[in-house]
C-alpha atoms as a PDB file:
ATOM      1  CA  MET A   1     -33.769 -22.690   8.520  1.00  0.00           C
ATOM      2  CA  VAL A   2     -36.178 -20.839   6.263  1.00  0.00           C
ATOM      3  CA  ALA A   3     -36.474 -23.868   3.976  1.00  0.00           C
ATOM      4  CA  GLY A   4     -37.190 -26.060   6.998  1.00  0.00           C
ATOM      5  CA  MET A   5     -39.869 -23.679   8.223  1.00  0.00           C
ATOM      6  CA  ILE A   6     -41.489 -23.477   4.776  1.00  0.00           C
ATOM      7  CA  THR A   7     -41.401 -27.269   4.499  1.00  0.00           C
ATOM      8  CA  ARG A   8     -43.084 -27.721   7.865  1.00  0.00           C
ATOM      9  CA  ILE A   9     -45.713 -25.054   7.193  1.00  0.00           C
ATOM     10  CA  MET A  10     -46.516 -26.476   3.779  1.00  0.00           C
ATOM     11  CA  LEU A  11     -46.729 -30.047   5.103  1.00  0.00           C
ATOM     12  CA  TRP A  12     -49.039 -29.026   7.937  1.00  0.00           C
ATOM     13  CA  THR A  13     -51.129 -26.982   5.521  1.00  0.00           C
ATOM     14  CA  GLY A  14     -51.445 -30.008   3.275  1.00  0.00           C
ATOM     15  CA  LEU A  15     -52.319 -32.295   6.172  1.00  0.00           C
ATOM     16  CA  MET A  16     -55.028 -29.941   7.375  1.00  0.00           C
ATOM     17  CA  GLY A  17     -56.684 -29.805   3.962  1.00  0.00           C
ATOM     18  CA  GLY A  18     -55.057 -26.660   2.623  1.00  0.00           C
ATOM     19  CA  PHE A  19     -53.992 -27.785  -0.853  1.00  0.00           C
ATOM     20  CA  GLY A  20     -56.977 -27.254  -3.153  1.00  0.00           C
ATOM     21  CA  GLY A  21     -59.482 -26.854  -0.332  1.00  0.00           C
ATOM     22  CA  GLY A  22     -63.230 -26.457  -0.735  1.00  0.00           C
ATOM     23  CA  ASN A  23     -63.120 -22.654  -1.109  1.00  0.00           C
ATOM     24  CA  ARG A  24     -61.612 -22.755  -4.574  1.00  0.00           C
ATOM     25  CA  ASN A  25     -63.589 -23.168  -7.728  1.00  0.00           C
ATOM     26  CA  ASN A  26     -62.464 -25.539 -10.417  1.00  0.00           C
ATOM     27  CA  SER A  27     -61.138 -22.564 -12.318  1.00  0.00           C
ATOM     28  CA  GLN A  28     -57.650 -22.289 -13.746  1.00  0.00           C
ATOM     29  CA  GLY A  29     -56.565 -19.938 -10.926  1.00  0.00           C
ATOM     30  CA  GLY A  30     -57.191 -22.559  -8.252  1.00  0.00           C
ATOM     31  CA  ASP A  31     -55.204 -25.165 -10.155  1.00  0.00           C
ATOM     32  CA  ASN A  32     -52.313 -22.778 -10.654  1.00  0.00           C
ATOM     33  CA  ALA A  33     -52.228 -21.897  -6.962  1.00  0.00           C
ATOM     34  CA  ALA A  34     -52.076 -25.583  -6.023  1.00  0.00           C
ATOM     35  CA  LEU A  35     -49.226 -26.130  -8.483  1.00  0.00           C
ATOM     36  CA  VAL A  36     -47.328 -23.151  -7.068  1.00  0.00           C
ATOM     37  CA  GLU A  37     -47.834 -24.470  -3.522  1.00  0.00           C
ATOM     38  CA  LEU A  38     -46.595 -27.895  -4.576  1.00  0.00           C
ATOM     39  CA  ALA A  39     -43.563 -26.387  -6.332  1.00  0.00           C
ATOM     40  CA  VAL A  40     -42.691 -24.341  -3.239  1.00  0.00           C
ATOM     41  CA  LEU A  41     -42.979 -27.474  -1.112  1.00  0.00           C
ATOM     42  CA  VAL A  42     -40.714 -29.524  -3.405  1.00  0.00           C
ATOM     43  CA  VAL A  43     -38.074 -26.785  -3.656  1.00  0.00           C
ATOM     44  CA  SER A  44     -38.060 -26.199   0.097  1.00  0.00           C
ATOM     45  CA  VAL A  45     -37.704 -29.930   0.806  1.00  0.00           C
ATOM     46  CA  VAL A  46     -34.729 -30.178  -1.569  1.00  0.00           C
ATOM     47  CA  VAL A  47     -33.072 -27.063  -0.098  1.00  0.00           C
ATOM     48  CA  TYR A  48     -33.684 -28.337   3.434  1.00  0.00           C
ATOM     49  CA  ALA A  49     -32.133 -31.740   2.633  1.00  0.00           C
ATOM     50  CA  ILE A  50     -29.068 -30.161   1.015  1.00  0.00           C
ATOM     51  CA  SER A  51     -28.616 -27.736   3.901  1.00  0.00           C
ATOM     52  CA  PHE A  52     -28.844 -30.622   6.384  1.00  0.00           C
ATOM     53  CA  LEU A  53     -26.081 -32.526   4.583  1.00  0.00           C
ATOM     54  CA  LEU A  54     -23.932 -29.398   4.366  1.00  0.00           C
ATOM     55  CA  THR A  55     -24.391 -28.785   8.100  1.00  0.00           C
ATOM     56  CA  MET A  56     -23.191 -32.310   8.847  1.00  0.00           C
ATOM     57  CA  ALA A  57     -20.171 -31.835   6.563  1.00  0.00           C
ATOM     58  CA  LEU A  58     -19.355 -28.514   8.241  1.00  0.00           C
ATOM     59  CA  SER A  59     -19.513 -30.171  11.645  1.00  0.00           C
ATOM     60  CA  ARG A  60     -17.038 -32.862  10.547  1.00  0.00           C
ATOM     61  CA  TYR A  61     -14.746 -30.215   9.052  1.00  0.00           C
ATOM     62  CA  ARG A  62     -14.812 -28.173  12.277  1.00  0.00           C
ATOM     63  CA  GLU A  63     -13.891 -31.264  14.281  1.00  0.00           C
ATOM     64  CA  LEU A  64     -10.897 -31.936  12.025  1.00  0.00           C
ATOM     65  CA  ALA A  65      -9.901 -28.257  12.199  1.00  0.00           C
ATOM     66  CA  ALA A  66     -10.033 -28.406  16.010  1.00  0.00           C
ATOM     67  CA  ASP A  67      -7.787 -31.482  15.985  1.00  0.00           C
ATOM     68  CA  ARG A  68      -5.339 -29.746  13.651  1.00  0.00           C
ATOM     69  CA  SER A  69      -5.185 -26.547  15.691  1.00  0.00           C
ATOM     70  CA  GLY A  70      -4.786 -28.512  18.930  1.00  0.00           C
ATOM     71  CA  ALA A  71      -1.971 -30.565  17.451  1.00  0.00           C
ATOM     72  CA  LEU A  72      -0.162 -27.499  16.111  1.00  0.00           C
ATOM     73  CA  LEU A  73      -0.693 -25.569  19.343  1.00  0.00           C
ATOM     74  CA  THR A  74       0.779 -28.286  21.545  1.00  0.00           C
ATOM     75  CA  GLY A  75       3.346 -29.420  18.993  1.00  0.00           C
ATOM     76  CA  ARG A  76       2.606 -33.037  19.913  1.00  0.00           C
ATOM     77  CA  PRO A  77       0.063 -34.572  17.556  1.00  0.00           C
ATOM     78  CA  SER A  78       0.948 -38.051  18.805  1.00  0.00           C
ATOM     79  CA  ALA A  79      -0.192 -37.123  22.320  1.00  0.00           C
ATOM     80  CA  LEU A  80      -3.539 -35.966  20.941  1.00  0.00           C
ATOM     81  CA  ALA A  81      -3.852 -39.150  18.889  1.00  0.00           C
ATOM     82  CA  SER A  82      -3.132 -41.256  21.965  1.00  0.00           C
ATOM     83  CA  ALA A  83      -5.750 -39.355  23.947  1.00  0.00           C
ATOM     84  CA  LEU A  84      -8.303 -39.801  21.173  1.00  0.00           C
ATOM     85  CA  VAL A  85      -7.766 -43.554  21.171  1.00  0.00           C
ATOM     86  CA  LYS A  86      -8.128 -43.719  24.943  1.00  0.00           C
ATOM     87  CA  VAL A  87     -11.198 -41.497  25.094  1.00  0.00           C
ATOM     88  CA  THR A  88     -13.104 -43.268  22.353  1.00  0.00           C
ATOM     89  CA  GLY A  89     -12.382 -46.686  23.833  1.00  0.00           C
ATOM     90  CA  GLU A  90     -11.226 -48.032  20.519  1.00  0.00           C
ATOM     91  CA  MET A  91      -8.391 -50.001  22.112  1.00  0.00           C
ATOM     92  CA  SER A  92     -10.833 -52.592  23.433  1.00  0.00           C
ATOM     93  CA  ARG A  93     -12.521 -52.864  20.045  1.00  0.00           C
ATOM     94  CA  ILE A  94      -9.412 -53.733  18.032  1.00  0.00           C
ATOM     95  CA  PRO A  95     -10.282 -56.938  16.188  1.00  0.00           C
ATOM     96  CA  THR A  96      -8.467 -60.099  17.113  1.00  0.00           C
ATOM     97  CA  ARG A  97      -9.291 -61.822  13.816  1.00  0.00           C
ATOM     98  CA  ASP A  98      -9.154 -60.926  10.138  1.00  0.00           C
ATOM     99  CA  LEU A  99     -12.195 -58.791   9.240  1.00  0.00           C
ATOM    100  CA  ARG A 100     -12.198 -59.993   5.643  1.00  0.00           C
ATOM    101  CA  SER A 101     -14.026 -63.061   6.893  1.00  0.00           C
ATOM    102  CA  ALA A 102     -16.997 -60.791   7.707  1.00  0.00           C
ATOM    103  CA  GLU A 103     -17.552 -60.040   4.007  1.00  0.00           C
ATOM    104  CA  SER A 104     -19.765 -63.115   3.670  1.00  0.00           C
ATOM    105  CA  PHE A 105     -22.277 -61.421   5.986  1.00  0.00           C
ATOM    106  CA  ASN A 106     -22.842 -58.643   3.437  1.00  0.00           C
ATOM    107  CA  ALA A 107     -25.685 -60.656   1.878  1.00  0.00           C
ATOM    108  CA  PHE A 108     -27.701 -60.252   5.075  1.00  0.00           C
ATOM    109  CA  TYR A 109     -27.436 -56.465   5.274  1.00  0.00           C
ATOM    110  CA  PHE A 110     -28.812 -53.660   3.145  1.00  0.00           C
ATOM    111  CA  THR A 111     -25.602 -51.752   3.805  1.00  0.00           C
ATOM    112  CA  PRO A 112     -22.301 -53.587   3.359  1.00  0.00           C
ATOM    113  CA  ALA A 113     -20.490 -54.566   6.549  1.00  0.00           C
ATOM    114  CA  ILE A 114     -17.251 -53.146   5.169  1.00  0.00           C
ATOM    115  CA  ALA A 115     -17.458 -49.933   3.148  1.00  0.00           C
ATOM    116  CA  LYS A 116     -15.132 -50.004   0.157  1.00  0.00           C
ATOM    117  CA  ASN A 117     -13.821 -46.434   0.084  1.00  0.00           C
ATOM    118  CA  GLY A 118     -14.843 -45.125   3.483  1.00  0.00           C
ATOM    119  CA  VAL A 119     -17.998 -43.459   2.169  1.00  0.00           C
ATOM    120  CA  SER A 120     -21.275 -44.818   3.416  1.00  0.00           C
ATOM    121  CA  LEU A 121     -24.682 -43.541   4.416  1.00  0.00           C
ATOM    122  CA  SER A 122     -23.629 -43.371   8.059  1.00  0.00           C
ATOM    123  CA  THR A 123     -20.607 -41.180   7.264  1.00  0.00           C
ATOM    124  CA  LEU A 124     -22.844 -38.850   5.271  1.00  0.00           C
ATOM    125  CA  PHE A 125     -25.082 -38.208   8.290  1.00  0.00           C
ATOM    126  CA  SER A 126     -22.406 -38.284  10.999  1.00  0.00           C
ATOM    127  CA  THR A 127     -21.494 -35.127  12.878  1.00  0.00           C
ATOM    128  CA  HIS A 128     -17.966 -36.282  13.731  1.00  0.00           C
ATOM    129  CA  PRO A 129     -15.264 -37.712  11.475  1.00  0.00           C
ATOM    130  CA  SER A 130     -14.231 -41.294  12.067  1.00  0.00           C
ATOM    131  CA  LEU A 131     -11.391 -42.056  14.447  1.00  0.00           C
ATOM    132  CA  ASP A 132      -9.351 -43.444  11.545  1.00  0.00           C
ATOM    133  CA  GLN A 133      -9.723 -40.182   9.643  1.00  0.00           C
ATOM    134  CA  ARG A 134      -8.719 -38.137  12.684  1.00  0.00           C
ATOM    135  CA  LEU A 135      -5.702 -40.342  13.416  1.00  0.00           C
ATOM    136  CA  ALA A 136      -4.590 -40.206   9.763  1.00  0.00           C
ATOM    137  CA  GLN A 137      -4.702 -36.404   9.860  1.00  0.00           C
ATOM    138  CA  LEU A 138      -2.715 -36.295  13.108  1.00  0.00           C
ATOM    139  CA  SER A 139      -0.143 -38.681  11.655  1.00  0.00           C
ATOM    140  CA  LYS A 140       0.217 -36.425   8.614  1.00  0.00           C
ATOM    141  CA  ILE A 141       0.697 -33.394  10.885  1.00  0.00           C
ATOM    142  CA  GLU A 142       3.317 -35.320  12.853  1.00  0.00           C
ATOM    143  CA  ALA A 143       5.186 -35.978   9.599  1.00  0.00           C
ATOM    144  CA  GLU A 144       4.895 -32.308   8.582  1.00  0.00           C
ATOM    145  CA  LEU A 145       6.433 -31.276  11.894  1.00  0.00           C
ATOM    146  CA  GLY A 146       9.363 -33.553  11.128  1.00  0.00           C
ATOM    147  CA  ARG A 147       8.751 -36.167  13.771  1.00  0.00           C
ATOM    148  CA  PRO A 148       8.322 -39.854  13.019  1.00  0.00           C
ATOM    149  CA  SER A 149       4.905 -41.193  14.042  1.00  0.00           C
END
């Protein structure tokens, strides 16, 4: 939060004419102050970006932890998996044709239509894990409890 505040303050200061304004002489001290301000801005932007990505990852982890604790508490991970499928409406979106035929459309997109290893820009910024990831975890818990999925 502090990095975000510093970033915003520094950007607004720069937009309003703060970096190297008219009050400074062309002395070495004025140049050094501008470099320090610029360095603070760059560091705060980097810290803010990293903290944003970590917050998104923490949110996905908490969602998976909630699924795991709910499955262990009820003792029926398959019931939770069934409810997840119903709630998300994924049943109506199950493809009726082979999705490998969509690979030819990749030339028209900046991001591939089918991610190779499940990691894409959208998963990096998402606050919830994918349904496939959640169902895979519930299936693994079902196997750990000794029940066939």
